[in-house]
């Protein structure tokens, strides 16, 4: 594994809670679909061993609610939906992240040689 891959994983780990909340703003979803949404957004494949602890932590914090639904075919699924508290947290953290992003971009741009 390259150093760049290691850093990308570290960056993702620091913001994954926020990204999962953002992925749920379009409506309820289950783990595999959330992982697909994140992958399709260009964040890479998020494995269940990484995603489900995040979902559990968000649920314990009251930021998402979960409901188990039996399936006619195959195993049942836990569907997650963001709560009002989760939406408020998302908005607050989004603003903080965007400010942080601007600061990082500005500093990195100084290092660019034209």
C-alpha atoms as a PDB file:
ATOM      1  CA  UNK A   1       0.000   0.000   0.000  1.00  0.00           C
ATOM      2  CA  UNK A   2       1.392   3.384  -0.955  1.00  0.00           C
ATOM      3  CA  UNK A   3       1.787   6.368   1.357  1.00  0.00           C
ATOM      4  CA  UNK A   4      -0.803   8.271  -0.723  1.00  0.00           C
ATOM      5  CA  UNK A   5      -3.349   5.496  -0.173  1.00  0.00           C
ATOM      6  CA  UNK A   6      -2.602   5.506   3.564  1.00  0.00           C
ATOM      7  CA  UNK A   7      -3.209   9.259   3.760  1.00  0.00           C
ATOM      8  CA  UNK A   8      -6.428   9.067   1.776  1.00  0.00           C
ATOM      9  CA  UNK A   9      -7.740   6.430   4.194  1.00  0.00           C
ATOM     10  CA  UNK A  10      -6.803   8.675   7.141  1.00  0.00           C
ATOM     11  CA  UNK A  11      -8.554  11.656   5.597  1.00  0.00           C
ATOM     12  CA  UNK A  12     -11.661   9.576   4.942  1.00  0.00           C
ATOM     13  CA  UNK A  13     -11.692   8.219   8.480  1.00  0.00           C
ATOM     14  CA  UNK A  14     -11.786  11.778   9.834  1.00  0.00           C
ATOM     15  CA  UNK A  15     -14.811  12.785   7.794  1.00  0.00           C
ATOM     16  CA  UNK A  16     -16.721   9.527   7.266  1.00  0.00           C
ATOM     17  CA  UNK A  17     -19.420  10.307   9.853  1.00  0.00           C
ATOM     18  CA  UNK A  18     -20.178  13.546   8.012  1.00  0.00           C
ATOM     19  CA  UNK A  19     -20.220  11.805   4.628  1.00  0.00           C
ATOM     20  CA  UNK A  20     -22.611   9.103   5.845  1.00  0.00           C
ATOM     21  CA  UNK A  21     -24.985  11.770   7.171  1.00  0.00           C
ATOM     22  CA  UNK A  22     -24.763  13.582   3.835  1.00  0.00           C
ATOM     23  CA  UNK A  23     -25.472  10.326   1.962  1.00  0.00           C
ATOM     24  CA  UNK A  24     -28.669   9.903   3.973  1.00  0.00           C
ATOM     25  CA  UNK A  25     -30.098  13.340   3.184  1.00  0.00           C
ATOM     26  CA  UNK A  26     -31.769  11.979   0.033  1.00  0.00           C
ATOM     27  CA  UNK A  27     -33.773   9.525   2.137  1.00  0.00           C
ATOM     28  CA  UNK A  28     -33.414   6.327   4.067  1.00  0.00           C
ATOM     29  CA  UNK A  29     -31.001   3.671   2.921  1.00  0.00           C
ATOM     30  CA  UNK A  30     -29.265   0.498   4.055  1.00  0.00           C
ATOM     31  CA  UNK A  31     -25.575  -0.197   4.491  1.00  0.00           C
ATOM     32  CA  UNK A  32     -24.744  -1.580   1.054  1.00  0.00           C
ATOM     33  CA  UNK A  33     -26.532   1.296  -0.679  1.00  0.00           C
ATOM     34  CA  UNK A  34     -24.768   3.857   1.513  1.00  0.00           C
ATOM     35  CA  UNK A  35     -21.425   2.270   0.628  1.00  0.00           C
ATOM     36  CA  UNK A  36     -22.366   2.387  -3.076  1.00  0.00           C
ATOM     37  CA  UNK A  37     -23.306   6.061  -2.796  1.00  0.00           C
ATOM     38  CA  UNK A  38     -19.931   6.880  -1.236  1.00  0.00           C
ATOM     39  CA  UNK A  39     -18.075   4.803  -3.835  1.00  0.00           C
ATOM     40  CA  UNK A  40     -19.988   6.451  -6.694  1.00  0.00           C
ATOM     41  CA  UNK A  41     -19.030   9.849  -5.248  1.00  0.00           C
ATOM     42  CA  UNK A  42     -15.373   8.912  -5.783  1.00  0.00           C
ATOM     43  CA  UNK A  43     -14.499   8.012  -2.193  1.00  0.00           C
ATOM     44  CA  UNK A  44     -13.628   4.412  -2.928  1.00  0.00           C
ATOM     45  CA  UNK A  45     -15.017   1.210  -1.530  1.00  0.00           C
ATOM     46  CA  UNK A  46     -16.026   1.430   2.123  1.00  0.00           C
ATOM     47  CA  UNK A  47     -16.113  -1.994   3.710  1.00  0.00           C
ATOM     48  CA  UNK A  48     -18.779  -3.064   6.170  1.00  0.00           C
ATOM     49  CA  UNK A  49     -16.211  -3.323   8.962  1.00  0.00           C
ATOM     50  CA  UNK A  50     -15.669   0.412   8.554  1.00  0.00           C
ATOM     51  CA  UNK A  51     -19.202   1.532   7.695  1.00  0.00           C
ATOM     52  CA  UNK A  52     -21.291  -0.303  10.288  1.00  0.00           C
ATOM     53  CA  UNK A  53     -19.382   1.015  13.327  1.00  0.00           C
ATOM     54  CA  UNK A  54     -19.967   4.529  11.929  1.00  0.00           C
ATOM     55  CA  UNK A  55     -23.688   3.829  11.523  1.00  0.00           C
ATOM     56  CA  UNK A  56     -23.863   2.399  15.048  1.00  0.00           C
ATOM     57  CA  UNK A  57     -22.067   5.445  16.470  1.00  0.00           C
ATOM     58  CA  UNK A  58     -24.416   7.809  14.607  1.00  0.00           C
ATOM     59  CA  UNK A  59     -27.423   5.864  15.864  1.00  0.00           C
ATOM     60  CA  UNK A  60     -26.164   5.894  19.461  1.00  0.00           C
ATOM     61  CA  UNK A  61     -25.646   9.652  19.153  1.00  0.00           C
ATOM     62  CA  UNK A  62     -29.210  10.163  17.963  1.00  0.00           C
ATOM     63  CA  UNK A  63     -28.074  11.398  14.550  1.00  0.00           C
ATOM     64  CA  UNK A  64     -29.673   8.531  12.635  1.00  0.00           C
ATOM     65  CA  UNK A  65     -32.517   6.131  13.327  1.00  0.00           C
ATOM     66  CA  UNK A  66     -32.529   2.527  12.177  1.00  0.00           C
ATOM     67  CA  UNK A  67     -35.318   0.103  11.429  1.00  0.00           C
ATOM     68  CA  UNK A  68     -34.947  -3.588  10.618  1.00  0.00           C
ATOM     69  CA  UNK A  69     -37.139  -4.832   7.796  1.00  0.00           C
ATOM     70  CA  UNK A  70     -37.635  -8.452   6.863  1.00  0.00           C
ATOM     71  CA  UNK A  71     -37.279  -9.332   3.204  1.00  0.00           C
ATOM     72  CA  UNK A  72     -39.346 -11.717   1.106  1.00  0.00           C
ATOM     73  CA  UNK A  73     -36.150 -12.833  -0.616  1.00  0.00           C
ATOM     74  CA  UNK A  74     -32.839 -12.929   1.191  1.00  0.00           C
ATOM     75  CA  UNK A  75     -31.911 -11.573   4.580  1.00  0.00           C
ATOM     76  CA  UNK A  76     -33.597  -8.588   6.191  1.00  0.00           C
ATOM     77  CA  UNK A  77     -31.938  -5.187   6.202  1.00  0.00           C
ATOM     78  CA  UNK A  78     -31.484  -2.308   8.611  1.00  0.00           C
ATOM     79  CA  UNK A  79     -32.621   0.918   7.005  1.00  0.00           C
ATOM     80  CA  UNK A  80     -31.110   4.146   8.292  1.00  0.00           C
ATOM     81  CA  UNK A  81     -32.531   7.663   8.140  1.00  0.00           C
ATOM     82  CA  UNK A  82     -31.078  10.913   9.371  1.00  0.00           C
ATOM     83  CA  UNK A  83     -32.844  12.587  12.315  1.00  0.00           C
ATOM     84  CA  UNK A  84     -33.469  16.298  12.794  1.00  0.00           C
ATOM     85  CA  UNK A  85     -30.524  16.343  15.196  1.00  0.00           C
ATOM     86  CA  UNK A  86     -28.451  14.644  12.506  1.00  0.00           C
ATOM     87  CA  UNK A  87     -29.418  17.288   9.945  1.00  0.00           C
ATOM     88  CA  UNK A  88     -28.457  20.059  12.371  1.00  0.00           C
ATOM     89  CA  UNK A  89     -25.136  18.360  13.091  1.00  0.00           C
ATOM     90  CA  UNK A  90     -24.529  17.876   9.374  1.00  0.00           C
ATOM     91  CA  UNK A  91     -25.080  21.561   8.664  1.00  0.00           C
ATOM     92  CA  UNK A  92     -22.813  22.629  11.518  1.00  0.00           C
ATOM     93  CA  UNK A  93     -20.052  20.189  10.574  1.00  0.00           C
ATOM     94  CA  UNK A  94     -20.398  20.957   6.854  1.00  0.00           C
ATOM     95  CA  UNK A  95     -19.615  24.618   7.543  1.00  0.00           C
ATOM     96  CA  UNK A  96     -16.601  23.660   9.665  1.00  0.00           C
ATOM     97  CA  UNK A  97     -15.344  21.234   7.022  1.00  0.00           C
ATOM     98  CA  UNK A  98     -15.720  23.756   4.192  1.00  0.00           C
ATOM     99  CA  UNK A  99     -13.775  26.360   6.185  1.00  0.00           C
ATOM    100  CA  UNK A 100     -11.067  23.786   6.877  1.00  0.00           C
ATOM    101  CA  UNK A 101     -11.018  22.827   3.176  1.00  0.00           C
ATOM    102  CA  UNK A 102     -10.492  26.463   2.150  1.00  0.00           C
ATOM    103  CA  UNK A 103      -7.615  26.836   4.613  1.00  0.00           C
ATOM    104  CA  UNK A 104      -5.940  23.652   3.332  1.00  0.00           C
ATOM    105  CA  UNK A 105      -6.410  24.657  -0.307  1.00  0.00           C
ATOM    106  CA  UNK A 106      -4.983  28.119   0.327  1.00  0.00           C
ATOM    107  CA  UNK A 107      -1.926  26.736   2.048  1.00  0.00           C
ATOM    108  CA  UNK A 108      -1.354  24.053  -0.574  1.00  0.00           C
ATOM    109  CA  UNK A 109      -1.724  26.602  -3.378  1.00  0.00           C
ATOM    110  CA  UNK A 110       1.246  28.510  -1.939  1.00  0.00           C
ATOM    111  CA  UNK A 111       3.414  25.499  -2.649  1.00  0.00           C
ATOM    112  CA  UNK A 112       2.492  25.383  -6.338  1.00  0.00           C
ATOM    113  CA  UNK A 113       5.281  26.512  -8.674  1.00  0.00           C
ATOM    114  CA  UNK A 114       3.969  28.167 -11.798  1.00  0.00           C
END
